Structure formats: structure tokens, C-alpha cells
Amino acid sequence: MPYNFSTFKQGLKEAEEWIVREFSGLRTGRATLALLDGIQVDSYGSRMALNAVANLSVEDARSIRITPWDSSQIKEIEKAIVASPLGISPVVDEKGLRVIFPELTSDRRTALLKLAKEKLEDGRVRIRQEREKVIKDIQAQEKAGEYGKDEAERNKAEVEKLTKEANAKLDDILAKKEKEIQS
């Protein structure tokens, strides 16, 4: 009876999706709405996501337009953006706010690449943790007599194959992000 790898594959997919989300938040000189996803605004006594209190749109390659639903929220939105770790400051005008992303310096590009590699390693740790869980489960089932030694070894080989594939996907995602940061 072959091992059910569905939860393992789901864990690998979640690690890949996590890396994609983390990389989407790395600023690369191009304006993307994903950069503002983590910003929380104090609105009417509670913390809300920026996109819940304003309309966000990309104006051009390096600027984002923020149009609040309620113009009294402009100061709170500005405060939240300035306090964010993005290192940007918005420009307030009659329509709302505009966030302009400056060109990246070579030092900033190097720092972003280092951060991307750290996030990749975090993704690999997630994959290794999933792998360890499955291998322990296979060993426990072998010990309980549900698998013979040969079947257990085949299952472990399949785990290693799936792990290598997942790590290769993460490497491809990093390569694309590196290219984006360098351009």
C-alpha cells in the first residue's frame, strides 16, 4: 500500500505560495500594489488594511495613487505609510495621496538580494520540516508493520524526489526575483 503524499504535497505548495507572497513585498523599483499589502491604517478606532479604507491604483511604473474613501482619513493613511518599513513618503494632493518609488541604489539592490536569499532559506526550512514529518511517519508505519523495508525505502525516495522538485521551484522563483531586482 503506497503512502498518501497529499498532505506533504500541500505543505510544499504552501511553502511555495508563502515565498511568492514574501517576494511580492520586496520593493524592486517598480510600483506594485502588493508592496502596500502589509500597511495597516488607524481608521475610526480600529486597525484596517490600507486597501479597506482607500482605492489603490498604479499610475505608472514608479508611482501608486491612493484615493481614500473618506478624505478625512488622508492624514492617518499618510502616517501609516511613513511608519511602514518601505522607506517611502507619500505626497498629498487634492485627490488623495501619491506614493513615488525612487530608483534603487546599488546598495539597496544588494540588501534586497540578501533579504530575498534569507526568505528563500526560510522557505527551504519549511520544506525540510514537512519532509521530516513525512519521513518520521513512514518510519513509524514501517515499525508498526504497515510497510515492509522495501516499500518504506520507495516512499522515502519519493519524499526526496518531491523535496528536490520543491527546492528547484523555490530556486526558480528566486532567480526571477534576482533578475527583477537587478533590472
N, C-alpha and C. Protein backbone atom coordinates (compact mmCIF):
# COMPACT_ATOMS: atom_id res chain seq x y z
N MET A 1 0.85 -1.17 0.00
CA MET A 1 0.00 0.00 0.00
C MET A 1 0.90 1.24 0.00
N PRO A 2 0.79 2.07 -1.03
CA PRO A 2 1.65 3.25 -1.13
C PRO A 2 1.24 4.32 -0.10
N TYR A 3 2.22 5.13 0.25
CA TYR A 3 2.00 6.21 1.23
C TYR A 3 1.17 7.33 0.59
N ASN A 4 0.31 7.98 1.36
CA ASN A 4 -0.50 9.09 0.87
C ASN A 4 0.30 10.39 1.03
N PHE A 5 0.78 10.92 -0.09
CA PHE A 5 1.62 12.11 -0.07
C PHE A 5 0.84 13.41 -0.21
N SER A 6 -0.49 13.37 -0.18
CA SER A 6 -1.29 14.57 -0.45
C SER A 6 -1.02 15.69 0.56
N THR A 7 -0.92 15.36 1.85
CA THR A 7 -0.65 16.43 2.83
C THR A 7 0.76 16.97 2.67
N PHE A 8 1.71 16.11 2.31
CA PHE A 8 3.08 16.55 2.06
C PHE A 8 3.12 17.50 0.86
N LYS A 9 2.45 17.12 -0.22
CA LYS A 9 2.41 17.98 -1.41
C LYS A 9 1.73 19.31 -1.09
N GLN A 10 0.69 19.27 -0.27
CA GLN A 10 0.01 20.51 0.13
C GLN A 10 0.96 21.40 0.94
N GLY A 11 1.73 20.80 1.83
CA GLY A 11 2.70 21.56 2.62
C GLY A 11 3.76 22.20 1.73
N LEU A 12 4.21 21.48 0.70
CA LEU A 12 5.20 22.02 -0.23
C LEU A 12 4.60 23.18 -1.02
N LYS A 13 3.35 23.03 -1.44
CA LYS A 13 2.67 24.08 -2.18
C LYS A 13 2.50 25.33 -1.32
N GLU A 14 2.18 25.14 -0.04
CA GLU A 14 2.03 26.27 0.86
C GLU A 14 3.36 27.00 1.06
N ALA A 15 4.46 26.26 1.12
CA ALA A 15 5.78 26.89 1.25
C ALA A 15 6.09 27.72 0.00
N GLU A 16 5.75 27.19 -1.16
CA GLU A 16 5.97 27.92 -2.42
C GLU A 16 5.11 29.19 -2.46
N GLU A 17 3.85 29.07 -2.07
CA GLU A 17 2.96 30.24 -2.07
C GLU A 17 3.45 31.29 -1.07
N TRP A 18 3.97 30.83 0.06
CA TRP A 18 4.50 31.76 1.06
C TRP A 18 5.66 32.55 0.49
N ILE A 19 6.57 31.86 -0.19
CA ILE A 19 7.74 32.54 -0.78
C ILE A 19 7.29 33.56 -1.81
N VAL A 20 6.32 33.21 -2.63
CA VAL A 20 5.81 34.14 -3.64
C VAL A 20 5.24 35.39 -2.97
N ARG A 21 4.47 35.21 -1.90
CA ARG A 21 3.91 36.36 -1.17
C ARG A 21 5.02 37.22 -0.56
N GLU A 22 6.01 36.56 0.04
CA GLU A 22 7.11 37.30 0.66
C GLU A 22 7.89 38.10 -0.39
N PHE A 23 8.15 37.47 -1.54
CA PHE A 23 8.89 38.15 -2.59
C PHE A 23 8.09 39.29 -3.20
N SER A 24 6.77 39.17 -3.23
CA SER A 24 5.96 40.25 -3.81
C SER A 24 6.06 41.52 -2.97
N GLY A 25 6.41 41.37 -1.70
CA GLY A 25 6.56 42.53 -0.83
C GLY A 25 7.92 43.18 -0.89
N LEU A 26 8.85 42.60 -1.65
CA LEU A 26 10.17 43.22 -1.79
C LEU A 26 10.12 44.27 -2.89
N ARG A 27 10.46 45.48 -2.52
CA ARG A 27 10.39 46.59 -3.48
C ARG A 27 11.54 46.48 -4.48
N THR A 28 11.20 46.63 -5.74
CA THR A 28 12.22 46.47 -6.78
C THR A 28 12.34 47.68 -7.70
N GLY A 29 11.78 48.81 -7.32
CA GLY A 29 11.85 49.98 -8.18
C GLY A 29 10.60 50.14 -9.03
N ARG A 30 9.87 49.04 -9.21
CA ARG A 30 8.60 49.11 -9.92
C ARG A 30 7.48 49.17 -8.91
N ALA A 31 6.48 49.95 -9.20
CA ALA A 31 5.35 50.09 -8.29
C ALA A 31 4.39 48.92 -8.48
N THR A 32 4.13 48.20 -7.41
CA THR A 32 3.11 47.16 -7.42
C THR A 32 2.26 47.32 -6.17
N LEU A 33 0.99 47.01 -6.29
CA LEU A 33 0.08 47.17 -5.16
C LEU A 33 0.42 46.22 -4.02
N ALA A 34 1.07 45.11 -4.33
CA ALA A 34 1.44 44.14 -3.30
C ALA A 34 2.39 44.75 -2.27
N LEU A 35 3.13 45.77 -2.65
CA LEU A 35 4.05 46.42 -1.72
C LEU A 35 3.32 47.06 -0.55
N LEU A 36 2.08 47.48 -0.78
CA LEU A 36 1.32 48.17 0.26
C LEU A 36 0.41 47.23 1.06
N ASP A 37 0.46 45.93 0.78
CA ASP A 37 -0.43 44.96 1.43
C ASP A 37 -0.30 44.93 2.95
N GLY A 38 0.89 45.11 3.47
CA GLY A 38 1.09 44.98 4.90
C GLY A 38 0.79 46.24 5.70
N ILE A 39 0.42 47.32 5.04
CA ILE A 39 0.20 48.58 5.74
C ILE A 39 -1.17 48.59 6.41
N GLN A 40 -1.18 48.89 7.70
CA GLN A 40 -2.40 48.96 8.50
C GLN A 40 -2.64 50.43 8.88
N VAL A 41 -3.87 50.89 8.73
CA VAL A 41 -4.25 52.28 8.99
C VAL A 41 -5.19 52.32 10.19
N ASP A 42 -4.96 53.29 11.09
CA ASP A 42 -5.90 53.52 12.19
C ASP A 42 -7.10 54.24 11.60
N SER A 43 -8.23 53.56 11.59
CA SER A 43 -9.42 54.12 10.98
C SER A 43 -10.62 53.93 11.90
N TYR A 44 -11.16 55.03 12.38
CA TYR A 44 -12.34 55.00 13.25
C TYR A 44 -12.16 54.07 14.45
N GLY A 45 -11.00 54.15 15.08
CA GLY A 45 -10.76 53.38 16.29
C GLY A 45 -10.28 51.96 16.11
N SER A 46 -10.07 51.50 14.89
CA SER A 46 -9.56 50.14 14.69
C SER A 46 -8.50 50.15 13.59
N ARG A 47 -7.68 49.08 13.56
CA ARG A 47 -6.64 48.94 12.54
C ARG A 47 -7.24 48.22 11.34
N MET A 48 -7.08 48.83 10.17
CA MET A 48 -7.63 48.23 8.95
C MET A 48 -6.55 48.22 7.87
N ALA A 49 -6.67 47.28 6.95
CA ALA A 49 -5.75 47.23 5.81
C ALA A 49 -5.94 48.47 4.97
N LEU A 50 -4.87 48.94 4.36
CA LEU A 50 -4.92 50.15 3.54
C LEU A 50 -5.96 50.02 2.43
N ASN A 51 -6.03 48.85 1.80
CA ASN A 51 -6.99 48.70 0.70
C ASN A 51 -8.44 48.63 1.17
N ALA A 52 -8.67 48.60 2.51
CA ALA A 52 -10.03 48.62 3.04
C ALA A 52 -10.53 50.05 3.27
N VAL A 53 -9.61 51.02 3.28
CA VAL A 53 -10.00 52.41 3.52
C VAL A 53 -9.76 53.31 2.31
N ALA A 54 -9.16 52.74 1.26
CA ALA A 54 -8.84 53.56 0.09
C ALA A 54 -8.78 52.70 -1.17
N ASN A 55 -8.94 53.36 -2.29
CA ASN A 55 -8.76 52.72 -3.59
C ASN A 55 -7.29 52.87 -3.97
N LEU A 56 -6.66 51.79 -4.40
CA LEU A 56 -5.26 51.81 -4.79
C LEU A 56 -5.16 51.53 -6.28
N SER A 57 -4.32 52.30 -6.96
CA SER A 57 -4.11 52.04 -8.38
C SER A 57 -2.70 52.44 -8.78
N VAL A 58 -2.13 51.71 -9.72
CA VAL A 58 -0.80 52.00 -10.23
C VAL A 58 -0.94 53.05 -11.32
N GLU A 59 -0.28 54.20 -11.12
CA GLU A 59 -0.35 55.27 -12.12
C GLU A 59 0.64 55.05 -13.25
N ASP A 60 1.87 54.76 -12.88
CA ASP A 60 2.90 54.45 -13.87
C ASP A 60 3.88 53.48 -13.24
N ALA A 61 5.00 53.25 -13.87
CA ALA A 61 5.94 52.23 -13.41
C ALA A 61 6.49 52.49 -12.02
N ARG A 62 6.48 53.75 -11.56
CA ARG A 62 7.09 54.05 -10.28
C ARG A 62 6.18 54.78 -9.30
N SER A 63 4.89 54.87 -9.57
CA SER A 63 4.01 55.56 -8.62
C SER A 63 2.66 54.86 -8.47
N ILE A 64 2.12 54.98 -7.25
CA ILE A 64 0.82 54.41 -6.91
C ILE A 64 -0.06 55.54 -6.39
N ARG A 65 -1.30 55.56 -6.86
CA ARG A 65 -2.29 56.55 -6.42
C ARG A 65 -3.15 55.92 -5.34
N ILE A 66 -3.31 56.62 -4.22
CA ILE A 66 -4.17 56.17 -3.13
C ILE A 66 -5.28 57.19 -2.97
N THR A 67 -6.52 56.75 -3.21
CA THR A 67 -7.68 57.63 -3.10
C THR A 67 -8.54 57.12 -1.95
N PRO A 68 -8.53 57.81 -0.81
CA PRO A 68 -9.31 57.36 0.34
C PRO A 68 -10.81 57.43 0.07
N TRP A 69 -11.55 56.50 0.69
CA TRP A 69 -13.00 56.53 0.56
C TRP A 69 -13.53 57.77 1.30
N ASP A 70 -12.87 58.11 2.40
CA ASP A 70 -13.25 59.26 3.22
C ASP A 70 -12.03 60.17 3.29
N SER A 71 -12.16 61.40 2.78
CA SER A 71 -10.99 62.29 2.71
C SER A 71 -10.45 62.67 4.08
N SER A 72 -11.23 62.49 5.15
CA SER A 72 -10.71 62.78 6.49
C SER A 72 -9.65 61.75 6.93
N GLN A 73 -9.51 60.68 6.19
CA GLN A 73 -8.54 59.63 6.51
C GLN A 73 -7.16 59.87 5.91
N ILE A 74 -6.98 60.92 5.13
CA ILE A 74 -5.71 61.16 4.44
C ILE A 74 -4.54 61.22 5.40
N LYS A 75 -4.68 61.95 6.52
CA LYS A 75 -3.58 62.09 7.48
C LYS A 75 -3.22 60.74 8.10
N GLU A 76 -4.23 59.93 8.43
CA GLU A 76 -3.97 58.61 9.02
C GLU A 76 -3.26 57.70 8.03
N ILE A 77 -3.68 57.76 6.77
CA ILE A 77 -3.05 56.94 5.73
C ILE A 77 -1.60 57.37 5.55
N GLU A 78 -1.38 58.68 5.51
CA GLU A 78 -0.02 59.20 5.35
C GLU A 78 0.86 58.74 6.51
N LYS A 79 0.33 58.81 7.73
CA LYS A 79 1.08 58.38 8.92
C LYS A 79 1.45 56.90 8.82
N ALA A 80 0.51 56.08 8.38
CA ALA A 80 0.75 54.63 8.29
C ALA A 80 1.81 54.31 7.23
N ILE A 81 1.79 55.03 6.12
CA ILE A 81 2.78 54.78 5.07
C ILE A 81 4.17 55.20 5.51
N VAL A 82 4.26 56.36 6.17
CA VAL A 82 5.56 56.84 6.64
C VAL A 82 6.12 55.89 7.71
N ALA A 83 5.26 55.34 8.55
CA ALA A 83 5.69 54.43 9.61
C ALA A 83 6.05 53.04 9.09
N SER A 84 5.66 52.71 7.86
CA SER A 84 5.93 51.38 7.31
C SER A 84 7.43 51.20 7.05
N PRO A 85 7.90 49.94 6.96
CA PRO A 85 9.32 49.69 6.72
C PRO A 85 9.74 49.87 5.25
N LEU A 86 8.85 50.38 4.41
CA LEU A 86 9.17 50.52 2.99
C LEU A 86 10.15 51.66 2.72
N GLY A 87 10.23 52.62 3.64
CA GLY A 87 11.15 53.73 3.45
C GLY A 87 10.68 54.69 2.37
N ILE A 88 9.37 54.90 2.27
CA ILE A 88 8.82 55.82 1.27
C ILE A 88 7.99 56.88 1.98
N SER A 89 7.81 58.00 1.30
CA SER A 89 6.94 59.03 1.87
C SER A 89 5.96 59.46 0.79
N PRO A 90 4.69 59.55 1.15
CA PRO A 90 3.67 59.91 0.17
C PRO A 90 3.59 61.42 -0.03
N VAL A 91 3.05 61.80 -1.18
CA VAL A 91 2.80 63.19 -1.49
C VAL A 91 1.29 63.37 -1.48
N VAL A 92 0.81 64.31 -0.65
CA VAL A 92 -0.62 64.55 -0.54
C VAL A 92 -1.02 65.61 -1.56
N ASP A 93 -2.12 65.36 -2.28
CA ASP A 93 -2.66 66.35 -3.22
C ASP A 93 -4.18 66.38 -3.07
N GLU A 94 -4.86 67.08 -3.97
CA GLU A 94 -6.32 67.24 -3.83
C GLU A 94 -7.10 65.94 -4.00
N LYS A 95 -6.57 64.95 -4.70
CA LYS A 95 -7.28 63.69 -4.92
C LYS A 95 -7.01 62.65 -3.84
N GLY A 96 -5.92 62.79 -3.13
CA GLY A 96 -5.55 61.80 -2.12
C GLY A 96 -4.06 61.81 -1.91
N LEU A 97 -3.46 60.66 -2.12
CA LEU A 97 -2.01 60.54 -1.94
C LEU A 97 -1.39 59.85 -3.14
N ARG A 98 -0.14 60.18 -3.36
CA ARG A 98 0.64 59.52 -4.41
C ARG A 98 1.93 59.05 -3.76
N VAL A 99 2.26 57.80 -3.99
CA VAL A 99 3.49 57.23 -3.47
C VAL A 99 4.41 57.00 -4.66
N ILE A 100 5.58 57.64 -4.62
CA ILE A 100 6.54 57.51 -5.72
C ILE A 100 7.72 56.67 -5.21
N PHE A 101 8.03 55.63 -5.96
CA PHE A 101 9.13 54.75 -5.60
C PHE A 101 10.38 55.18 -6.36
N PRO A 102 11.40 55.64 -5.65
CA PRO A 102 12.62 56.08 -6.33
C PRO A 102 13.39 54.90 -6.93
N GLU A 103 14.29 55.22 -7.83
CA GLU A 103 15.16 54.18 -8.40
C GLU A 103 15.99 53.58 -7.27
N LEU A 104 16.27 52.31 -7.37
CA LEU A 104 17.05 51.64 -6.34
C LEU A 104 18.53 51.92 -6.52
N THR A 105 19.22 52.15 -5.41
CA THR A 105 20.67 52.32 -5.47
C THR A 105 21.30 50.93 -5.48
N SER A 106 22.57 50.87 -5.82
CA SER A 106 23.24 49.57 -5.85
C SER A 106 23.31 48.96 -4.45
N ASP A 107 23.47 49.79 -3.42
CA ASP A 107 23.49 49.28 -2.05
C ASP A 107 22.13 48.66 -1.68
N ARG A 108 21.05 49.35 -2.07
CA ARG A 108 19.71 48.86 -1.76
C ARG A 108 19.43 47.56 -2.52
N ARG A 109 19.90 47.48 -3.76
CA ARG A 109 19.73 46.25 -4.54
C ARG A 109 20.43 45.08 -3.86
N THR A 110 21.65 45.34 -3.36
CA THR A 110 22.42 44.30 -2.66
C THR A 110 21.69 43.86 -1.41
N ALA A 111 21.15 44.82 -0.65
CA ALA A 111 20.40 44.50 0.57
C ALA A 111 19.15 43.70 0.24
N LEU A 112 18.46 44.05 -0.85
CA LEU A 112 17.25 43.31 -1.25
C LEU A 112 17.59 41.88 -1.66
N LEU A 113 18.70 41.71 -2.36
CA LEU A 113 19.11 40.36 -2.76
C LEU A 113 19.42 39.51 -1.52
N LYS A 114 20.09 40.12 -0.54
CA LYS A 114 20.40 39.41 0.69
C LYS A 114 19.11 39.01 1.41
N LEU A 115 18.17 39.93 1.48
CA LEU A 115 16.89 39.65 2.12
C LEU A 115 16.13 38.55 1.38
N ALA A 116 16.17 38.59 0.05
CA ALA A 116 15.49 37.56 -0.76
C ALA A 116 16.10 36.19 -0.47
N LYS A 117 17.41 36.13 -0.33
CA LYS A 117 18.06 34.85 -0.05
C LYS A 117 17.72 34.36 1.35
N GLU A 118 17.57 35.28 2.30
CA GLU A 118 17.15 34.88 3.65
C GLU A 118 15.73 34.30 3.62
N LYS A 119 14.85 34.93 2.85
CA LYS A 119 13.48 34.44 2.75
C LYS A 119 13.46 33.08 2.05
N LEU A 120 14.33 32.90 1.06
CA LEU A 120 14.43 31.60 0.39
C LEU A 120 14.84 30.53 1.40
N GLU A 121 15.79 30.85 2.25
CA GLU A 121 16.23 29.88 3.26
C GLU A 121 15.09 29.56 4.22
N ASP A 122 14.28 30.56 4.57
CA ASP A 122 13.11 30.30 5.41
C ASP A 122 12.15 29.34 4.71
N GLY A 123 11.98 29.52 3.40
CA GLY A 123 11.13 28.62 2.63
C GLY A 123 11.69 27.20 2.60
N ARG A 124 13.00 27.10 2.49
CA ARG A 124 13.63 25.77 2.50
C ARG A 124 13.47 25.09 3.86
N VAL A 125 13.53 25.89 4.93
CA VAL A 125 13.33 25.33 6.26
C VAL A 125 11.92 24.76 6.37
N ARG A 126 10.94 25.47 5.83
CA ARG A 126 9.56 24.97 5.84
C ARG A 126 9.48 23.63 5.11
N ILE A 127 10.14 23.55 3.98
CA ILE A 127 10.13 22.31 3.20
C ILE A 127 10.80 21.18 3.98
N ARG A 128 11.94 21.48 4.61
CA ARG A 128 12.63 20.46 5.39
C ARG A 128 11.76 19.96 6.55
N GLN A 129 11.04 20.88 7.18
CA GLN A 129 10.16 20.48 8.29
C GLN A 129 9.06 19.54 7.80
N GLU A 130 8.48 19.85 6.65
CA GLU A 130 7.46 18.97 6.07
C GLU A 130 8.06 17.60 5.75
N ARG A 131 9.25 17.61 5.20
CA ARG A 131 9.95 16.37 4.83
C ARG A 131 10.20 15.51 6.06
N GLU A 132 10.67 16.13 7.13
CA GLU A 132 10.96 15.40 8.36
C GLU A 132 9.70 14.76 8.94
N LYS A 133 8.58 15.49 8.89
CA LYS A 133 7.32 14.94 9.40
C LYS A 133 6.94 13.67 8.65
N VAL A 134 7.05 13.73 7.32
CA VAL A 134 6.65 12.58 6.50
C VAL A 134 7.60 11.40 6.71
N ILE A 135 8.89 11.67 6.78
CA ILE A 135 9.84 10.57 6.98
C ILE A 135 9.61 9.90 8.33
N LYS A 136 9.34 10.70 9.36
CA LYS A 136 9.05 10.12 10.68
C LYS A 136 7.79 9.27 10.62
N ASP A 137 6.79 9.75 9.88
CA ASP A 137 5.55 8.99 9.74
C ASP A 137 5.79 7.66 9.01
N ILE A 138 6.58 7.71 7.95
CA ILE A 138 6.89 6.48 7.20
C ILE A 138 7.64 5.50 8.11
N GLN A 139 8.60 6.01 8.88
CA GLN A 139 9.36 5.13 9.78
C GLN A 139 8.45 4.52 10.85
N ALA A 140 7.52 5.32 11.36
CA ALA A 140 6.59 4.80 12.37
C ALA A 140 5.70 3.72 11.77
N GLN A 141 5.24 3.93 10.54
CA GLN A 141 4.40 2.92 9.90
C GLN A 141 5.20 1.66 9.58
N GLU A 142 6.47 1.83 9.23
CA GLU A 142 7.31 0.66 8.98
C GLU A 142 7.51 -0.13 10.28
N LYS A 143 7.75 0.59 11.36
CA LYS A 143 7.94 -0.05 12.66
C LYS A 143 6.68 -0.80 13.10
N ALA A 144 5.51 -0.22 12.76
CA ALA A 144 4.24 -0.84 13.13
C ALA A 144 3.89 -2.03 12.23
N GLY A 145 4.67 -2.25 11.20
CA GLY A 145 4.44 -3.39 10.32
C GLY A 145 3.52 -3.10 9.15
N GLU A 146 3.15 -1.83 8.94
CA GLU A 146 2.28 -1.49 7.82
C GLU A 146 3.03 -1.51 6.48
N TYR A 147 4.33 -1.28 6.55
CA TYR A 147 5.18 -1.30 5.35
C TYR A 147 6.33 -2.26 5.58
N GLY A 148 6.74 -2.87 4.48
CA GLY A 148 7.97 -3.63 4.51
C GLY A 148 9.13 -2.68 4.29
N LYS A 149 10.35 -3.15 4.46
CA LYS A 149 11.53 -2.29 4.32
C LYS A 149 11.62 -1.70 2.90
N ASP A 150 11.34 -2.53 1.89
CA ASP A 150 11.42 -2.05 0.50
C ASP A 150 10.40 -0.95 0.23
N GLU A 151 9.18 -1.16 0.68
CA GLU A 151 8.12 -0.15 0.47
C GLU A 151 8.47 1.15 1.19
N ALA A 152 8.99 1.03 2.41
CA ALA A 152 9.39 2.23 3.16
C ALA A 152 10.50 2.98 2.42
N GLU A 153 11.46 2.25 1.87
CA GLU A 153 12.56 2.90 1.13
C GLU A 153 12.04 3.58 -0.14
N ARG A 154 11.08 2.95 -0.84
CA ARG A 154 10.48 3.58 -2.02
C ARG A 154 9.77 4.87 -1.64
N ASN A 155 9.04 4.83 -0.52
CA ASN A 155 8.33 6.03 -0.06
C ASN A 155 9.31 7.14 0.31
N LYS A 156 10.39 6.78 0.98
CA LYS A 156 11.40 7.78 1.34
C LYS A 156 12.06 8.38 0.09
N ALA A 157 12.28 7.54 -0.91
CA ALA A 157 12.86 8.03 -2.17
C ALA A 157 11.90 9.01 -2.84
N GLU A 158 10.60 8.72 -2.77
CA GLU A 158 9.60 9.63 -3.34
C GLU A 158 9.59 10.96 -2.58
N VAL A 159 9.74 10.91 -1.27
CA VAL A 159 9.81 12.14 -0.46
C VAL A 159 11.00 12.98 -0.90
N GLU A 160 12.14 12.33 -1.10
CA GLU A 160 13.35 13.05 -1.52
C GLU A 160 13.15 13.68 -2.90
N LYS A 161 12.51 12.94 -3.80
CA LYS A 161 12.26 13.46 -5.15
C LYS A 161 11.35 14.69 -5.09
N LEU A 162 10.27 14.60 -4.31
CA LEU A 162 9.34 15.73 -4.19
C LEU A 162 10.02 16.93 -3.52
N THR A 163 10.89 16.66 -2.56
CA THR A 163 11.62 17.74 -1.87
C THR A 163 12.56 18.45 -2.84
N LYS A 164 13.27 17.68 -3.66
CA LYS A 164 14.18 18.29 -4.65
C LYS A 164 13.40 19.14 -5.64
N GLU A 165 12.25 18.66 -6.09
CA GLU A 165 11.42 19.42 -7.02
C GLU A 165 10.96 20.73 -6.39
N ALA A 166 10.54 20.67 -5.13
CA ALA A 166 10.06 21.87 -4.43
C ALA A 166 11.20 22.88 -4.27
N ASN A 167 12.39 22.40 -3.91
CA ASN A 167 13.54 23.30 -3.77
C ASN A 167 13.92 23.92 -5.10
N ALA A 168 13.79 23.15 -6.18
CA ALA A 168 14.09 23.68 -7.52
C ALA A 168 13.11 24.79 -7.88
N LYS A 169 11.83 24.62 -7.51
CA LYS A 169 10.84 25.66 -7.77
C LYS A 169 11.19 26.94 -7.02
N LEU A 170 11.61 26.78 -5.75
CA LEU A 170 12.00 27.96 -4.97
C LEU A 170 13.20 28.65 -5.59
N ASP A 171 14.16 27.86 -6.10
CA ASP A 171 15.33 28.44 -6.76
C ASP A 171 14.92 29.23 -8.01
N ASP A 172 13.95 28.70 -8.77
CA ASP A 172 13.45 29.41 -9.95
C ASP A 172 12.79 30.72 -9.57
N ILE A 173 12.01 30.70 -8.49
CA ILE A 173 11.33 31.92 -8.03
C ILE A 173 12.37 32.94 -7.61
N LEU A 174 13.43 32.51 -6.91
CA LEU A 174 14.50 33.42 -6.51
C LEU A 174 15.21 33.99 -7.73
N ALA A 175 15.49 33.16 -8.72
CA ALA A 175 16.17 33.63 -9.93
C ALA A 175 15.38 34.74 -10.61
N LYS A 176 14.06 34.56 -10.69
CA LYS A 176 13.21 35.60 -11.30
C LYS A 176 13.26 36.88 -10.48
N LYS A 177 13.22 36.75 -9.16
CA LYS A 177 13.24 37.93 -8.29
C LYS A 177 14.60 38.63 -8.38
N GLU A 178 15.68 37.86 -8.45
CA GLU A 178 17.01 38.46 -8.59
C GLU A 178 17.10 39.25 -9.88
N LYS A 179 16.58 38.68 -10.95
CA LYS A 179 16.59 39.37 -12.24
C LYS A 179 15.78 40.67 -12.16
N GLU A 180 14.63 40.60 -11.49
CA GLU A 180 13.78 41.79 -11.33
C GLU A 180 14.49 42.86 -10.51
N ILE A 181 15.17 42.45 -9.44
CA ILE A 181 15.88 43.41 -8.59
C ILE A 181 17.04 44.04 -9.34
N GLN A 182 17.75 43.26 -10.14
CA GLN A 182 18.92 43.77 -10.86
C GLN A 182 18.56 44.67 -12.04
N SER A 183 17.33 44.54 -12.56
CA SER A 183 16.98 45.33 -13.74
C SER A 183 16.47 46.71 -13.37
